Amino acid sequence: MEEHYVDQIMSQPVETVSPTTTLQDAAAEMVRHDVGALVVLDDADRFRGLLTEADFVLLARDGRSPSDSAVAEVMRTDVVTTSRVTPVSEAATTMLDHLVHHVPVVDGGEVVGMLTSMDVASSFVR
């Protein structure tokens, strides 16, 4: 079986927000772009974190409103990333090991794509 690489299946473009974006606005961006995660970039376009659908579930569990908080207050900063040249099988194992559905693809310090569990699943049925 031929090995596939992350850059062959990753989702692009990456949707982004800033740390100061309200969670309400971030949620609207997720819905508008039909994505389950947003990359958080600072004013210099440096990668600072990831905001996922799961973060909104945790927010609801805690009884907090998205309009009351900024992305920086709930985003994940301990983000697992991968590279364009990582084999899909290796990236999938990493996702399972860390129990994540979204992995930013980084090239030269820049986020160039997003690998999702749907991307990985789709790669096996093509």
PDB file of N, CA and C in Angstrom:
ATOM      1  N   MET A   1       0.845  -1.181   0.000  1.00  0.00           N
ATOM      2  CA  MET A   1       0.000   0.000   0.000  1.00  0.00           C
ATOM      3  C   MET A   1       0.893   1.248   0.000  1.00  0.00           C
ATOM      4  N   GLU A   2       0.560   2.188  -0.860  1.00  0.00           N
ATOM      5  CA  GLU A   2       1.331   3.429  -0.973  1.00  0.00           C
ATOM      6  C   GLU A   2       1.041   4.342   0.211  1.00  0.00           C
ATOM      7  N   GLU A   3       2.098   4.899   0.789  1.00  0.00           N
ATOM      8  CA  GLU A   3       1.945   5.823   1.920  1.00  0.00           C
ATOM      9  C   GLU A   3       1.506   7.187   1.421  1.00  0.00           C
ATOM     10  N   HIS A   4       0.551   7.780   2.124  1.00  0.00           N
ATOM     11  CA  HIS A   4       0.117   9.137   1.830  1.00  0.00           C
ATOM     12  C   HIS A   4       0.677  10.063   2.905  1.00  0.00           C
ATOM     13  N   TYR A   5       0.812  11.331   2.538  1.00  0.00           N
ATOM     14  CA  TYR A   5       1.374  12.312   3.447  1.00  0.00           C
ATOM     15  C   TYR A   5       0.339  13.378   3.779  1.00  0.00           C
ATOM     16  N   VAL A   6       0.549  14.020   4.907  1.00  0.00           N
ATOM     17  CA  VAL A   6      -0.402  14.998   5.426  1.00  0.00           C
ATOM     18  C   VAL A   6      -0.766  16.055   4.393  1.00  0.00           C
ATOM     19  N   ASP A   7       0.215  16.556   3.644  1.00  0.00           N
ATOM     20  CA  ASP A   7      -0.097  17.632   2.691  1.00  0.00           C
ATOM     21  C   ASP A   7      -1.012  17.183   1.553  1.00  0.00           C
ATOM     22  N   GLN A   8      -1.186  15.883   1.382  1.00  0.00           N
ATOM     23  CA  GLN A   8      -2.079  15.371   0.346  1.00  0.00           C
ATOM     24  C   GLN A   8      -3.542  15.355   0.791  1.00  0.00           C
ATOM     25  N   ILE A   9      -3.776  15.416   2.101  1.00  0.00           N
ATOM     26  CA  ILE A   9      -5.162  15.284   2.580  1.00  0.00           C
ATOM     27  C   ILE A   9      -5.608  16.404   3.511  1.00  0.00           C
ATOM     28  N   MET A  10      -4.696  17.270   3.919  1.00  0.00           N
ATOM     29  CA  MET A  10      -5.039  18.315   4.895  1.00  0.00           C
ATOM     30  C   MET A  10      -6.073  19.281   4.321  1.00  0.00           C
ATOM     31  N   SER A  11      -6.814  19.899   5.216  1.00  0.00           N
ATOM     32  CA  SER A  11      -7.800  20.898   4.832  1.00  0.00           C
ATOM     33  C   SER A  11      -7.135  22.257   4.710  1.00  0.00           C
ATOM     34  N   GLN A  12      -7.543  22.991   3.684  1.00  0.00           N
ATOM     35  CA  GLN A  12      -7.072  24.348   3.457  1.00  0.00           C
ATOM     36  C   GLN A  12      -8.216  25.158   2.893  1.00  0.00           C
ATOM     37  N   PRO A  13      -8.287  26.438   3.060  1.00  0.00           N
ATOM     38  CA  PRO A  13      -7.405  27.251   3.891  1.00  0.00           C
ATOM     39  C   PRO A  13      -7.725  27.063   5.366  1.00  0.00           C
ATOM     40  N   VAL A  14      -6.834  27.536   6.200  1.00  0.00           N
ATOM     41  CA  VAL A  14      -7.030  27.490   7.642  1.00  0.00           C
ATOM     42  C   VAL A  14      -7.785  28.741   8.063  1.00  0.00           C
ATOM     43  N   GLU A  15      -8.830  28.548   8.829  1.00  0.00           N
ATOM     44  CA  GLU A  15      -9.594  29.690   9.347  1.00  0.00           C
ATOM     45  C   GLU A  15      -8.947  30.139  10.646  1.00  0.00           C
ATOM     46  N   THR A  16      -8.812  31.448  10.815  1.00  0.00           N
ATOM     47  CA  THR A  16      -8.089  31.979  11.968  1.00  0.00           C
ATOM     48  C   THR A  16      -8.890  33.054  12.697  1.00  0.00           C
ATOM     49  N   VAL A  17      -8.523  33.246  13.947  1.00  0.00           N
ATOM     50  CA  VAL A  17      -9.032  34.339  14.774  1.00  0.00           C
ATOM     51  C   VAL A  17      -7.876  34.847  15.618  1.00  0.00           C
ATOM     52  N   SER A  18      -8.093  35.986  16.268  1.00  0.00           N
ATOM     53  CA  SER A  18      -7.079  36.525  17.169  1.00  0.00           C
ATOM     54  C   SER A  18      -7.450  36.150  18.605  1.00  0.00           C
ATOM     55  N   PRO A  19      -6.505  36.239  19.523  1.00  0.00           N
ATOM     56  CA  PRO A  19      -6.796  35.932  20.923  1.00  0.00           C
ATOM     57  C   PRO A  19      -7.864  36.840  21.530  1.00  0.00           C
ATOM     58  N   THR A  20      -8.029  38.035  20.969  1.00  0.00           N
ATOM     59  CA  THR A  20      -8.990  38.984  21.530  1.00  0.00           C
ATOM     60  C   THR A  20     -10.390  38.867  20.921  1.00  0.00           C
ATOM     61  N   THR A  21     -10.541  38.024  19.920  1.00  0.00           N
ATOM     62  CA  THR A  21     -11.855  37.793  19.321  1.00  0.00           C
ATOM     63  C   THR A  21     -12.796  37.250  20.391  1.00  0.00           C
ATOM     64  N   THR A  22     -14.032  37.722  20.408  1.00  0.00           N
ATOM     65  CA  THR A  22     -14.983  37.157  21.372  1.00  0.00           C
ATOM     66  C   THR A  22     -15.336  35.736  20.961  1.00  0.00           C
ATOM     67  N   LEU A  23     -15.671  34.933  21.930  1.00  0.00           N
ATOM     68  CA  LEU A  23     -16.069  33.564  21.632  1.00  0.00           C
ATOM     69  C   LEU A  23     -17.341  33.532  20.792  1.00  0.00           C
ATOM     70  N   GLN A  24     -18.209  34.498  20.993  1.00  0.00           N
ATOM     71  CA  GLN A  24     -19.424  34.564  20.183  1.00  0.00           C
ATOM     72  C   GLN A  24     -19.060  34.777  18.708  1.00  0.00           C
ATOM     73  N   ASP A  25     -18.123  35.681  18.448  1.00  0.00           N
ATOM     74  CA  ASP A  25     -17.688  35.913  17.073  1.00  0.00           C
ATOM     75  C   ASP A  25     -16.938  34.701  16.517  1.00  0.00           C
ATOM     76  N   ALA A  26     -16.135  34.051  17.350  1.00  0.00           N
ATOM     77  CA  ALA A  26     -15.416  32.854  16.922  1.00  0.00           C
ATOM     78  C   ALA A  26     -16.397  31.739  16.553  1.00  0.00           C
ATOM     79  N   ALA A  27     -17.438  31.578  17.354  1.00  0.00           N
ATOM     80  CA  ALA A  27     -18.448  30.565  17.052  1.00  0.00           C
ATOM     81  C   ALA A  27     -19.115  30.865  15.712  1.00  0.00           C
ATOM     82  N   ALA A  28     -19.400  32.125  15.467  1.00  0.00           N
ATOM     83  CA  ALA A  28     -20.009  32.514  14.190  1.00  0.00           C
ATOM     84  C   ALA A  28     -19.072  32.188  13.024  1.00  0.00           C
ATOM     85  N   GLU A  29     -17.773  32.392  13.205  1.00  0.00           N
ATOM     86  CA  GLU A  29     -16.792  32.054  12.168  1.00  0.00           C
ATOM     87  C   GLU A  29     -16.771  30.551  11.904  1.00  0.00           C
ATOM     88  N   MET A  30     -16.834  29.764  12.974  1.00  0.00           N
ATOM     89  CA  MET A  30     -16.834  28.306  12.815  1.00  0.00           C
ATOM     90  C   MET A  30     -18.051  27.855  12.017  1.00  0.00           C
ATOM     91  N   VAL A  31     -19.196  28.439  12.322  1.00  0.00           N
ATOM     92  CA  VAL A  31     -20.421  28.083  11.612  1.00  0.00           C
ATOM     93  C   VAL A  31     -20.334  28.556  10.159  1.00  0.00           C
ATOM     94  N   ARG A  32     -19.899  29.786   9.950  1.00  0.00           N
ATOM     95  CA  ARG A  32     -19.837  30.340   8.597  1.00  0.00           C
ATOM     96  C   ARG A  32     -18.928  29.531   7.685  1.00  0.00           C
ATOM     97  N   HIS A  33     -17.799  29.058   8.234  1.00  0.00           N
ATOM     98  CA  HIS A  33     -16.829  28.319   7.431  1.00  0.00           C
ATOM     99  C   HIS A  33     -16.985  26.805   7.552  1.00  0.00           C
ATOM    100  N   ASP A  34     -17.956  26.367   8.356  1.00  0.00           N
ATOM    101  CA  ASP A  34     -18.216  24.938   8.563  1.00  0.00           C
ATOM    102  C   ASP A  34     -16.950  24.186   8.977  1.00  0.00           C
ATOM    103  N   VAL A  35     -16.304  24.706  10.035  1.00  0.00           N
ATOM    104  CA  VAL A  35     -15.103  24.074  10.575  1.00  0.00           C
ATOM    105  C   VAL A  35     -15.292  23.789  12.063  1.00  0.00           C
ATOM    106  N   GLY A  36     -14.544  22.826  12.554  1.00  0.00           N
ATOM    107  CA  GLY A  36     -14.625  22.456  13.955  1.00  0.00           C
ATOM    108  C   GLY A  36     -13.513  23.036  14.803  1.00  0.00           C
ATOM    109  N   ALA A  37     -12.621  23.815  14.172  1.00  0.00           N
ATOM    110  CA  ALA A  37     -11.515  24.419  14.918  1.00  0.00           C
ATOM    111  C   ALA A  37     -11.024  25.662  14.198  1.00  0.00           C
ATOM    112  N   LEU A  38     -10.532  26.583  14.988  1.00  0.00           N
ATOM    113  CA  LEU A  38      -9.938  27.816  14.465  1.00  0.00           C
ATOM    114  C   LEU A  38      -8.517  27.944  15.011  1.00  0.00           C
ATOM    115  N   VAL A  39      -7.601  28.309  14.153  1.00  0.00           N
ATOM    116  CA  VAL A  39      -6.231  28.586  14.568  1.00  0.00           C
ATOM    117  C   VAL A  39      -6.204  30.000  15.140  1.00  0.00           C
ATOM    118  N   VAL A  40      -5.543  30.159  16.264  1.00  0.00           N
ATOM    119  CA  VAL A  40      -5.443  31.470  16.908  1.00  0.00           C
ATOM    120  C   VAL A  40      -4.059  32.049  16.595  1.00  0.00           C
ATOM    121  N   LEU A  41      -4.079  33.215  15.925  1.00  0.00           N
ATOM    122  CA  LEU A  41      -2.842  33.914  15.554  1.00  0.00           C
ATOM    123  C   LEU A  41      -2.805  35.267  16.241  1.00  0.00           C
ATOM    124  N   ASP A  42      -1.608  35.678  16.675  1.00  0.00           N
ATOM    125  CA  ASP A  42      -1.477  37.007  17.268  1.00  0.00           C
ATOM    126  C   ASP A  42      -1.377  38.061  16.167  1.00  0.00           C
ATOM    127  N   ASP A  43      -1.158  39.314  16.551  1.00  0.00           N
ATOM    128  CA  ASP A  43      -1.120  40.417  15.586  1.00  0.00           C
ATOM    129  C   ASP A  43       0.020  40.283  14.580  1.00  0.00           C
ATOM    130  N   ALA A  44       1.047  39.519  14.913  1.00  0.00           N
ATOM    131  CA  ALA A  44       2.174  39.299  13.997  1.00  0.00           C
ATOM    132  C   ALA A  44       2.013  37.984  13.230  1.00  0.00           C
ATOM    133  N   ASP A  45       0.799  37.434  13.253  1.00  0.00           N
ATOM    134  CA  ASP A  45       0.478  36.168  12.577  1.00  0.00           C
ATOM    135  C   ASP A  45       1.269  34.972  13.104  1.00  0.00           C
ATOM    136  N   ARG A  46       1.641  35.026  14.382  1.00  0.00           N
ATOM    137  CA  ARG A  46       2.302  33.880  15.018  1.00  0.00           C
ATOM    138  C   ARG A  46       1.248  32.986  15.647  1.00  0.00           C
ATOM    139  N   PHE A  47       1.446  31.688  15.519  1.00  0.00           N
ATOM    140  CA  PHE A  47       0.537  30.684  16.064  1.00  0.00           C
ATOM    141  C   PHE A  47       0.538  30.735  17.587  1.00  0.00           C
ATOM    142  N   ARG A  48      -0.630  30.921  18.183  1.00  0.00           N
ATOM    143  CA  ARG A  48      -0.750  31.022  19.632  1.00  0.00           C
ATOM    144  C   ARG A  48      -1.609  29.934  20.256  1.00  0.00           C
ATOM    145  N   GLY A  49      -2.468  29.307  19.461  1.00  0.00           N
ATOM    146  CA  GLY A  49      -3.310  28.276  20.040  1.00  0.00           C
ATOM    147  C   GLY A  49      -4.375  27.795  19.078  1.00  0.00           C
ATOM    148  N   LEU A  50      -5.297  27.020  19.632  1.00  0.00           N
ATOM    149  CA  LEU A  50      -6.356  26.414  18.845  1.00  0.00           C
ATOM    150  C   LEU A  50      -7.650  26.488  19.642  1.00  0.00           C
ATOM    151  N   LEU A  51      -8.712  26.843  18.974  1.00  0.00           N
ATOM    152  CA  LEU A  51     -10.043  26.861  19.569  1.00  0.00           C
ATOM    153  C   LEU A  51     -10.876  25.819  18.841  1.00  0.00           C
ATOM    154  N   THR A  52     -11.456  24.875  19.595  1.00  0.00           N
ATOM    155  CA  THR A  52     -12.216  23.787  18.977  1.00  0.00           C
ATOM    156  C   THR A  52     -13.655  23.746  19.491  1.00  0.00           C
ATOM    157  N   GLU A  53     -14.456  22.963  18.801  1.00  0.00           N
ATOM    158  CA  GLU A  53     -15.835  22.746  19.238  1.00  0.00           C
ATOM    159  C   GLU A  53     -15.879  22.244  20.684  1.00  0.00           C
ATOM    160  N   ALA A  54     -14.931  21.414  21.038  1.00  0.00           N
ATOM    161  CA  ALA A  54     -14.898  20.870  22.400  1.00  0.00           C
ATOM    162  C   ALA A  54     -14.731  21.966  23.444  1.00  0.00           C
ATOM    163  N   ASP A  55     -14.051  23.035  23.088  1.00  0.00           N
ATOM    164  CA  ASP A  55     -13.883  24.145  24.022  1.00  0.00           C
ATOM    165  C   ASP A  55     -15.230  24.797  24.332  1.00  0.00           C
ATOM    166  N   PHE A  56     -16.116  24.828  23.353  1.00  0.00           N
ATOM    167  CA  PHE A  56     -17.451  25.381  23.579  1.00  0.00           C
ATOM    168  C   PHE A  56     -18.289  24.457  24.455  1.00  0.00           C
ATOM    169  N   VAL A  57     -18.085  23.158  24.319  1.00  0.00           N
ATOM    170  CA  VAL A  57     -18.786  22.207  25.188  1.00  0.00           C
ATOM    171  C   VAL A  57     -18.349  22.407  26.635  1.00  0.00           C
ATOM    172  N   LEU A  58     -17.059  22.569  26.849  1.00  0.00           N
ATOM    173  CA  LEU A  58     -16.539  22.811  28.203  1.00  0.00           C
ATOM    174  C   LEU A  58     -17.053  24.139  28.760  1.00  0.00           C
ATOM    175  N   LEU A  59     -17.159  25.138  27.902  1.00  0.00           N
ATOM    176  CA  LEU A  59     -17.683  26.435  28.304  1.00  0.00           C
ATOM    177  C   LEU A  59     -19.132  26.287  28.784  1.00  0.00           C
ATOM    178  N   ALA A  60     -19.931  25.558  28.015  1.00  0.00           N
ATOM    179  CA  ALA A  60     -21.334  25.325  28.389  1.00  0.00           C
ATOM    180  C   ALA A  60     -21.426  24.531  29.686  1.00  0.00           C
ATOM    181  N   ARG A  61     -20.562  23.538  29.819  1.00  0.00           N
ATOM    182  CA  ARG A  61     -20.556  22.748  31.046  1.00  0.00           C
ATOM    183  C   ARG A  61     -20.315  23.618  32.268  1.00  0.00           C
ATOM    184  N   ASP A  62     -19.452  24.611  32.101  1.00  0.00           N
ATOM    185  CA  ASP A  62     -19.113  25.507  33.206  1.00  0.00           C
ATOM    186  C   ASP A  62     -20.118  26.641  33.382  1.00  0.00           C
ATOM    187  N   GLY A  63     -21.154  26.679  32.522  1.00  0.00           N
ATOM    188  CA  GLY A  63     -22.183  27.697  32.639  1.00  0.00           C
ATOM    189  C   GLY A  63     -21.746  29.080  32.206  1.00  0.00           C
ATOM    190  N   ARG A  64     -20.718  29.154  31.349  1.00  0.00           N
ATOM    191  CA  ARG A  64     -20.212  30.440  30.873  1.00  0.00           C
ATOM    192  C   ARG A  64     -20.809  30.756  29.506  1.00  0.00           C
ATOM    193  N   SER A  65     -20.965  32.033  29.226  1.00  0.00           N
ATOM    194  CA  SER A  65     -21.517  32.480  27.964  1.00  0.00           C
ATOM    195  C   SER A  65     -20.403  32.865  27.002  1.00  0.00           C
ATOM    196  N   PRO A  66     -20.527  32.496  25.723  1.00  0.00           N
ATOM    197  CA  PRO A  66     -19.513  32.893  24.740  1.00  0.00           C
ATOM    198  C   PRO A  66     -19.375  34.404  24.596  1.00  0.00           C
ATOM    199  N   SER A  67     -20.414  35.149  24.884  1.00  0.00           N
ATOM    200  CA  SER A  67     -20.324  36.602  24.730  1.00  0.00           C
ATOM    201  C   SER A  67     -19.532  37.257  25.857  1.00  0.00           C
ATOM    202  N   ASP A  68     -19.289  36.513  26.928  1.00  0.00           N
ATOM    203  CA  ASP A  68     -18.582  37.060  28.083  1.00  0.00           C
ATOM    204  C   ASP A  68     -17.067  36.854  28.043  1.00  0.00           C
ATOM    205  N   SER A  69     -16.574  36.123  27.061  1.00  0.00           N
ATOM    206  CA  SER A  69     -15.173  35.726  27.088  1.00  0.00           C
ATOM    207  C   SER A  69     -14.482  35.966  25.750  1.00  0.00           C
ATOM    208  N   ALA A  70     -13.154  36.110  25.817  1.00  0.00           N
ATOM    209  CA  ALA A  70     -12.319  36.205  24.625  1.00  0.00           C
ATOM    210  C   ALA A  70     -11.722  34.833  24.337  1.00  0.00           C
ATOM    211  N   VAL A  71     -11.348  34.618  23.102  1.00  0.00           N
ATOM    212  CA  VAL A  71     -10.750  33.350  22.675  1.00  0.00           C
ATOM    213  C   VAL A  71      -9.575  32.973  23.571  1.00  0.00           C
ATOM    214  N   ALA A  72      -8.737  33.939  23.932  1.00  0.00           N
ATOM    215  CA  ALA A  72      -7.545  33.667  24.746  1.00  0.00           C
ATOM    216  C   ALA A  72      -7.873  33.012  26.077  1.00  0.00           C
ATOM    217  N   GLU A  73      -9.077  33.225  26.581  1.00  0.00           N
ATOM    218  CA  GLU A  73      -9.460  32.672  27.878  1.00  0.00           C
ATOM    219  C   GLU A  73      -9.730  31.170  27.839  1.00  0.00           C
ATOM    220  N   VAL A  74     -10.047  30.632  26.673  1.00  0.00           N
ATOM    221  CA  VAL A  74     -10.397  29.205  26.621  1.00  0.00           C
ATOM    222  C   VAL A  74      -9.624  28.403  25.583  1.00  0.00           C
ATOM    223  N   MET A  75      -8.852  29.072  24.726  1.00  0.00           N
ATOM    224  CA  MET A  75      -8.130  28.353  23.674  1.00  0.00           C
ATOM    225  C   MET A  75      -7.107  27.398  24.277  1.00  0.00           C
ATOM    226  N   ARG A  76      -6.769  26.416  23.494  1.00  0.00           N
ATOM    227  CA  ARG A  76      -5.748  25.452  23.899  1.00  0.00           C
ATOM    228  C   ARG A  76      -4.388  25.960  23.425  1.00  0.00           C
ATOM    229  N   THR A  77      -3.420  25.914  24.317  1.00  0.00           N
ATOM    230  CA  THR A  77      -2.078  26.345  23.944  1.00  0.00           C
ATOM    231  C   THR A  77      -1.102  25.175  23.880  1.00  0.00           C
ATOM    232  N   ASP A  78      -1.498  24.051  24.405  1.00  0.00           N
ATOM    233  CA  ASP A  78      -0.668  22.842  24.362  1.00  0.00           C
ATOM    234  C   ASP A  78      -1.094  21.997  23.155  1.00  0.00           C
ATOM    235  N   VAL A  79      -0.931  22.574  21.987  1.00  0.00           N
ATOM    236  CA  VAL A  79      -1.474  22.008  20.753  1.00  0.00           C
ATOM    237  C   VAL A  79      -0.475  21.058  20.106  1.00  0.00           C
ATOM    238  N   VAL A  80      -0.968  19.899  19.724  1.00  0.00           N
ATOM    239  CA  VAL A  80      -0.187  18.951  18.942  1.00  0.00           C
ATOM    240  C   VAL A  80      -0.210  19.439  17.498  1.00  0.00           C
ATOM    241  N   THR A  81       0.956  19.514  16.861  1.00  0.00           N
ATOM    242  CA  THR A  81       1.035  19.924  15.458  1.00  0.00           C
ATOM    243  C   THR A  81       1.711  18.819  14.651  1.00  0.00           C
ATOM    244  N   THR A  82       1.664  18.970  13.351  1.00  0.00           N
ATOM    245  CA  THR A  82       2.342  18.034  12.454  1.00  0.00           C
ATOM    246  C   THR A  82       2.926  18.820  11.295  1.00  0.00           C
ATOM    247  N   SER A  83       3.639  18.140  10.419  1.00  0.00           N
ATOM    248  CA  SER A  83       4.224  18.794   9.246  1.00  0.00           C
ATOM    249  C   SER A  83       3.598  18.234   7.974  1.00  0.00           C
ATOM    250  N   ARG A  84       3.844  18.924   6.881  1.00  0.00           N
ATOM    251  CA  ARG A  84       3.326  18.496   5.574  1.00  0.00           C
ATOM    252  C   ARG A  84       3.812  17.102   5.183  1.00  0.00           C
ATOM    253  N   VAL A  85       5.032  16.769   5.569  1.00  0.00           N
ATOM    254  CA  VAL A  85       5.664  15.527   5.106  1.00  0.00           C
ATOM    255  C   VAL A  85       5.501  14.358   6.068  1.00  0.00           C
ATOM    256  N   THR A  86       4.672  14.520   7.075  1.00  0.00           N
ATOM    257  CA  THR A  86       4.398  13.423   7.999  1.00  0.00           C
ATOM    258  C   THR A  86       3.489  12.404   7.312  1.00  0.00           C
ATOM    259  N   PRO A  87       3.819  11.130   7.396  1.00  0.00           N
ATOM    260  CA  PRO A  87       2.915  10.122   6.841  1.00  0.00           C
ATOM    261  C   PRO A  87       1.561  10.179   7.555  1.00  0.00           C
ATOM    262  N   VAL A  88       0.488   9.997   6.799  1.00  0.00           N
ATOM    263  CA  VAL A  88      -0.858  10.043   7.375  1.00  0.00           C
ATOM    264  C   VAL A  88      -0.999   9.019   8.498  1.00  0.00           C
ATOM    265  N   SER A  89      -0.432   7.837   8.343  1.00  0.00           N
ATOM    266  CA  SER A  89      -0.546   6.812   9.387  1.00  0.00           C
ATOM    267  C   SER A  89       0.080   7.282  10.695  1.00  0.00           C
ATOM    268  N   GLU A  90       1.206   7.988  10.600  1.00  0.00           N
ATOM    269  CA  GLU A  90       1.868   8.526  11.795  1.00  0.00           C
ATOM    270  C   GLU A  90       1.034   9.634  12.431  1.00  0.00           C
ATOM    271  N   ALA A  91       0.508  10.514  11.614  1.00  0.00           N
ATOM    272  CA  ALA A  91      -0.330  11.608  12.120  1.00  0.00           C
ATOM    273  C   ALA A  91      -1.594  11.054  12.772  1.00  0.00           C
ATOM    274  N   ALA A  92      -2.187  10.025  12.173  1.00  0.00           N
ATOM    275  CA  ALA A  92      -3.394   9.409  12.733  1.00  0.00           C
ATOM    276  C   ALA A  92      -3.097   8.782  14.092  1.00  0.00           C
ATOM    277  N   THR A  93      -1.960   8.147  14.215  1.00  0.00           N
ATOM    278  CA  THR A  93      -1.562   7.567  15.498  1.00  0.00           C
ATOM    279  C   THR A  93      -1.391   8.654  16.550  1.00  0.00           C
ATOM    280  N   THR A  94      -0.784   9.761  16.168  1.00  0.00           N
ATOM    281  CA  THR A  94      -0.613  10.888  17.086  1.00  0.00           C
ATOM    282  C   THR A  94      -1.968  11.419  17.533  1.00  0.00           C
ATOM    283  N   MET A  95      -2.901  11.544  16.603  1.00  0.00           N
ATOM    284  CA  MET A  95      -4.240  12.034  16.943  1.00  0.00           C
ATOM    285  C   MET A  95      -4.916  11.093  17.945  1.00  0.00           C
ATOM    286  N   LEU A  96      -4.786   9.805  17.716  1.00  0.00           N
ATOM    287  CA  LEU A  96      -5.370   8.833  18.646  1.00  0.00           C
ATOM    288  C   LEU A  96      -4.690   8.879  20.011  1.00  0.00           C
ATOM    289  N   ASP A  97      -3.365   8.960  19.999  1.00  0.00           N
ATOM    290  CA  ASP A  97      -2.615   9.006  21.263  1.00  0.00           C
ATOM    291  C   ASP A  97      -2.995  10.218  22.113  1.00  0.00           C
ATOM    292  N   HIS A  98      -3.292  11.340  21.459  1.00  0.00           N
ATOM    293  CA  HIS A  98      -3.608  12.579  22.171  1.00  0.00           C
ATOM    294  C   HIS A  98      -5.106  12.866  22.245  1.00  0.00           C
ATOM    295  N   LEU A  99      -5.909  11.970  21.654  1.00  0.00           N
ATOM    296  CA  LEU A  99      -7.373  12.113  21.640  1.00  0.00           C
ATOM    297  C   LEU A  99      -7.813  13.464  21.099  1.00  0.00           C
ATOM    298  N   VAL A 100      -7.270  13.834  19.921  1.00  0.00           N
ATOM    299  CA  VAL A 100      -7.631  15.101  19.283  1.00  0.00           C
ATOM    300  C   VAL A 100      -8.190  14.847  17.891  1.00  0.00           C
ATOM    301  N   HIS A 101      -9.031  15.762  17.439  1.00  0.00           N
ATOM    302  CA  HIS A 101      -9.649  15.667  16.116  1.00  0.00           C
ATOM    303  C   HIS A 101      -9.088  16.688  15.128  1.00  0.00           C
ATOM    304  N   HIS A 102      -8.302  17.637  15.618  1.00  0.00           N
ATOM    305  CA  HIS A 102      -7.758  18.705  14.781  1.00  0.00           C
ATOM    306  C   HIS A 102      -6.280  18.895  15.097  1.00  0.00           C
ATOM    307  N   VAL A 103      -5.447  18.851  14.055  1.00  0.00           N
ATOM    308  CA  VAL A 103      -4.011  19.043  14.219  1.00  0.00           C
ATOM    309  C   VAL A 103      -3.532  20.061  13.187  1.00  0.00           C
ATOM    310  N   PRO A 104      -3.092  21.228  13.649  1.00  0.00           N
ATOM    311  CA  PRO A 104      -2.546  22.205  12.704  1.00  0.00           C
ATOM    312  C   PRO A 104      -1.299  21.651  12.001  1.00  0.00           C
ATOM    313  N   VAL A 105      -1.200  21.953  10.722  1.00  0.00           N
ATOM    314  CA  VAL A 105      -0.042  21.549   9.916  1.00  0.00           C
ATOM    315  C   VAL A 105       0.861  22.773   9.806  1.00  0.00           C
ATOM    316  N   VAL A 106       2.095  22.629  10.294  1.00  0.00           N
ATOM    317  CA  VAL A 106       3.022  23.754  10.389  1.00  0.00           C
ATOM    318  C   VAL A 106       4.189  23.537   9.424  1.00  0.00           C
ATOM    319  N   ASP A 107       4.540  24.603   8.724  1.00  0.00           N
ATOM    320  CA  ASP A 107       5.677  24.579   7.807  1.00  0.00           C
ATOM    321  C   ASP A 107       6.452  25.879   8.003  1.00  0.00           C
ATOM    322  N   GLY A 108       7.681  25.781   8.464  1.00  0.00           N
ATOM    323  CA  GLY A 108       8.497  26.974   8.679  1.00  0.00           C
ATOM    324  C   GLY A 108       7.908  27.925   9.700  1.00  0.00           C
ATOM    325  N   GLY A 109       7.225  27.406  10.711  1.00  0.00           N
ATOM    326  CA  GLY A 109       6.630  28.233  11.749  1.00  0.00           C
ATOM    327  C   GLY A 109       5.274  28.802  11.387  1.00  0.00           C
ATOM    328  N   GLU A 110       4.802  28.541  10.167  1.00  0.00           N
ATOM    329  CA  GLU A 110       3.512  29.049   9.713  1.00  0.00           C
ATOM    330  C   GLU A 110       2.505  27.903   9.617  1.00  0.00           C
ATOM    331  N   VAL A 111       1.282  28.154  10.049  1.00  0.00           N
ATOM    332  CA  VAL A 111       0.228  27.156   9.932  1.00  0.00           C
ATOM    333  C   VAL A 111      -0.280  27.190   8.495  1.00  0.00           C
ATOM    334  N   VAL A 112      -0.124  26.064   7.785  1.00  0.00           N
ATOM    335  CA  VAL A 112      -0.463  26.001   6.359  1.00  0.00           C
ATOM    336  C   VAL A 112      -1.670  25.122   6.062  1.00  0.00           C
ATOM    337  N   GLY A 113      -2.166  24.436   7.065  1.00  0.00           N
ATOM    338  CA  GLY A 113      -3.309  23.554   6.866  1.00  0.00           C
ATOM    339  C   GLY A 113      -3.794  23.022   8.192  1.00  0.00           C
ATOM    340  N   MET A 114      -4.875  22.253   8.124  1.00  0.00           N
ATOM    341  CA  MET A 114      -5.423  21.603   9.314  1.00  0.00           C
ATOM    342  C   MET A 114      -5.701  20.152   8.946  1.00  0.00           C
ATOM    343  N   LEU A 115      -5.197  19.245   9.730  1.00  0.00           N
ATOM    344  CA  LEU A 115      -5.507  17.836   9.553  1.00  0.00           C
ATOM    345  C   LEU A 115      -6.614  17.490  10.529  1.00  0.00           C
ATOM    346  N   THR A 116      -7.716  16.988  10.003  1.00  0.00           N
ATOM    347  CA  THR A 116      -8.854  16.635  10.850  1.00  0.00           C
ATOM    348  C   THR A 116      -9.066  15.129  10.828  1.00  0.00           C
ATOM    349  N   SER A 117      -9.797  14.655  11.803  1.00  0.00           N
ATOM    350  CA  SER A 117     -10.109  13.224  11.825  1.00  0.00           C
ATOM    351  C   SER A 117     -10.913  12.845  10.581  1.00  0.00           C
ATOM    352  N   MET A 118     -11.725  13.776  10.068  1.00  0.00           N
ATOM    353  CA  MET A 118     -12.476  13.520   8.836  1.00  0.00           C
ATOM    354  C   MET A 118     -11.537  13.389   7.640  1.00  0.00           C
ATOM    355  N   ASP A 119     -10.485  14.218   7.590  1.00  0.00           N
ATOM    356  CA  ASP A 119      -9.493  14.103   6.516  1.00  0.00           C
ATOM    357  C   ASP A 119      -8.850  12.721   6.531  1.00  0.00           C
ATOM    358  N   VAL A 120      -8.474  12.274   7.724  1.00  0.00           N
ATOM    359  CA  VAL A 120      -7.825  10.975   7.865  1.00  0.00           C
ATOM    360  C   VAL A 120      -8.785   9.864   7.445  1.00  0.00           C
ATOM    361  N   ALA A 121      -9.992   9.900   7.939  1.00  0.00           N
ATOM    362  CA  ALA A 121     -10.983   8.867   7.583  1.00  0.00           C
ATOM    363  C   ALA A 121     -11.221   8.847   6.080  1.00  0.00           C
ATOM    364  N   SER A 122     -11.352  10.032   5.490  1.00  0.00           N
ATOM    365  CA  SER A 122     -11.606  10.122   4.045  1.00  0.00           C
ATOM    366  C   SER A 122     -10.462   9.542   3.224  1.00  0.00           C
ATOM    367  N   SER A 123      -9.242   9.655   3.738  1.00  0.00           N
ATOM    368  CA  SER A 123      -8.081   9.171   2.986  1.00  0.00           C
ATOM    369  C   SER A 123      -8.091   7.657   2.825  1.00  0.00           C
ATOM    370  N   PHE A 124      -8.829   6.968   3.674  1.00  0.00           N
ATOM    371  CA  PHE A 124      -8.867   5.514   3.608  1.00  0.00           C
ATOM    372  C   PHE A 124      -9.960   4.982   2.689  1.00  0.00           C
ATOM    373  N   VAL A 125     -10.848   5.846   2.249  1.00  0.00           N
ATOM    374  CA  VAL A 125     -11.953   5.393   1.397  1.00  0.00           C
ATOM    375  C   VAL A 125     -11.837   5.928  -0.033  1.00  0.00           C
ATOM    376  N   ARG A 126     -10.812   6.672  -0.313  1.00  0.00           N
ATOM    377  CA  ARG A 126     -10.622   7.226  -1.667  1.00  0.00           C
ATOM    378  C   ARG A 126     -10.017   6.203  -2.577  1.00  0.00           C
TER     379      ARG A 126
END
